[in-house]
Amino acid sequence: AQLSEKVADGRVTLRQVGDDLVIDLPSSMDMKVKVTRKDKPAKGMRHKLTLKLTWRDGDKDDPLALG
């Protein structure tokens, strides 16, 4: 399943050999999105997308919508 579906469902599992991390997410979170580009002469344009989800225990803001 896609990450956005897992976030919307409220549970994300990150898997690495021998170690799973299960994160239960609240229905409301803050999201920050950052897109950067860096021109690497030898390799061409490098693109980077960073998503940052933050929340506090007991937050009661509007639910995060992912599309």
C-alpha atoms as a PDB file:
ATOM      1  CA  ALA A   1       0.000   0.000   0.000  1.00  0.00           C
ATOM      2  CA  GLN A   2       1.051   3.582  -0.517  1.00  0.00           C
ATOM      3  CA  LEU A   3       2.440   5.615   2.347  1.00  0.00           C
ATOM      4  CA  SER A   4      -0.393   8.147   2.101  1.00  0.00           C
ATOM      5  CA  GLU A   5      -2.946   5.346   2.588  1.00  0.00           C
ATOM      6  CA  LYS A   6      -1.113   4.088   5.659  1.00  0.00           C
ATOM      7  CA  VAL A   7      -0.918   7.596   7.156  1.00  0.00           C
ATOM      8  CA  ALA A   8      -4.636   8.100   6.475  1.00  0.00           C
ATOM      9  CA  ASP A   9      -5.350   4.749   8.176  1.00  0.00           C
ATOM     10  CA  GLY A  10      -3.368   5.901  11.218  1.00  0.00           C
ATOM     11  CA  ARG A  11      -0.683   3.205  11.294  1.00  0.00           C
ATOM     12  CA  VAL A  12       2.663   3.048   9.485  1.00  0.00           C
ATOM     13  CA  THR A  13       5.085   0.128   9.693  1.00  0.00           C
ATOM     14  CA  LEU A  14       8.708   0.758   8.765  1.00  0.00           C
ATOM     15  CA  ARG A  15      10.575  -2.451   7.993  1.00  0.00           C
ATOM     16  CA  GLN A  16      14.273  -3.123   8.056  1.00  0.00           C
ATOM     17  CA  VAL A  17      15.847  -6.578   8.190  1.00  0.00           C
ATOM     18  CA  GLY A  18      15.169  -7.949  11.648  1.00  0.00           C
ATOM     19  CA  ASP A  19      13.571  -4.773  13.000  1.00  0.00           C
ATOM     20  CA  ASP A  20      10.032  -3.417  12.432  1.00  0.00           C
ATOM     21  CA  LEU A  21       8.899  -0.060  13.772  1.00  0.00           C
ATOM     22  CA  VAL A  22       5.125   0.411  14.059  1.00  0.00           C
ATOM     23  CA  ILE A  23       3.947   3.999  14.447  1.00  0.00           C
ATOM     24  CA  ASP A  24       0.360   4.732  15.477  1.00  0.00           C
ATOM     25  CA  LEU A  25      -0.571   8.146  14.101  1.00  0.00           C
ATOM     26  CA  PRO A  26      -3.290  10.529  15.283  1.00  0.00           C
ATOM     27  CA  SER A  27      -5.932  11.817  12.867  1.00  0.00           C
ATOM     28  CA  SER A  28      -4.539  15.365  13.117  1.00  0.00           C
ATOM     29  CA  MET A  29      -0.949  16.329  12.329  1.00  0.00           C
ATOM     30  CA  ASP A  30       1.043  19.205  10.904  1.00  0.00           C
ATOM     31  CA  MET A  31       2.789  18.617   7.601  1.00  0.00           C
ATOM     32  CA  LYS A  32       5.717  20.521   6.143  1.00  0.00           C
ATOM     33  CA  VAL A  33       6.833  19.946   2.556  1.00  0.00           C
ATOM     34  CA  LYS A  34      10.184  21.035   1.170  1.00  0.00           C
ATOM     35  CA  VAL A  35      11.403  20.590  -2.401  1.00  0.00           C
ATOM     36  CA  THR A  36      15.001  21.360  -3.311  1.00  0.00           C
ATOM     37  CA  ARG A  37      16.995  21.107  -6.517  1.00  0.00           C
ATOM     38  CA  LYS A  38      20.750  21.081  -6.856  1.00  0.00           C
ATOM     39  CA  ASP A  39      22.583  21.096 -10.171  1.00  0.00           C
ATOM     40  CA  LYS A  40      25.412  18.584 -10.105  1.00  0.00           C
ATOM     41  CA  PRO A  41      27.587  19.252 -13.182  1.00  0.00           C
ATOM     42  CA  ALA A  42      28.861  15.668 -13.390  1.00  0.00           C
ATOM     43  CA  LYS A  43      25.488  13.972 -12.750  1.00  0.00           C
ATOM     44  CA  GLY A  44      22.811  16.507 -13.668  1.00  0.00           C
ATOM     45  CA  MET A  45      19.972  18.010 -11.642  1.00  0.00           C
ATOM     46  CA  ARG A  46      19.295  16.375  -8.256  1.00  0.00           C
ATOM     47  CA  HIS A  47      15.786  16.701  -6.804  1.00  0.00           C
ATOM     48  CA  LYS A  48      14.856  16.136  -3.166  1.00  0.00           C
ATOM     49  CA  LEU A  49      11.381  15.999  -1.603  1.00  0.00           C
ATOM     50  CA  THR A  50      11.176  16.128   2.187  1.00  0.00           C
ATOM     51  CA  LEU A  51       7.925  15.512   4.076  1.00  0.00           C
ATOM     52  CA  LYS A  52       7.816  16.190   7.797  1.00  0.00           C
ATOM     53  CA  LEU A  53       4.823  15.059   9.856  1.00  0.00           C
ATOM     54  CA  THR A  54       4.628  16.334  13.428  1.00  0.00           C
ATOM     55  CA  TRP A  55       2.089  15.885  16.201  1.00  0.00           C
ATOM     56  CA  ARG A  56       1.734  16.120  19.951  1.00  0.00           C
ATOM     57  CA  ASP A  57      -0.140  13.815  22.246  1.00  0.00           C
ATOM     58  CA  GLY A  58      -3.663  15.171  22.610  1.00  0.00           C
ATOM     59  CA  ASP A  59      -3.655  17.418  19.500  1.00  0.00           C
ATOM     60  CA  LYS A  60      -7.226  18.199  18.402  1.00  0.00           C
ATOM     61  CA  ASP A  61      -6.666  20.224  15.181  1.00  0.00           C
ATOM     62  CA  ASP A  62      -8.207  19.572  11.774  1.00  0.00           C
ATOM     63  CA  PRO A  63      -7.338  16.165  10.315  1.00  0.00           C
ATOM     64  CA  LEU A  64      -4.467  16.006   7.835  1.00  0.00           C
ATOM     65  CA  ALA A  65      -5.647  15.404   4.265  1.00  0.00           C
ATOM     66  CA  LEU A  66      -3.386  13.556   1.854  1.00  0.00           C
ATOM     67  CA  GLY A  67      -4.209  13.459  -1.833  1.00  0.00           C
END
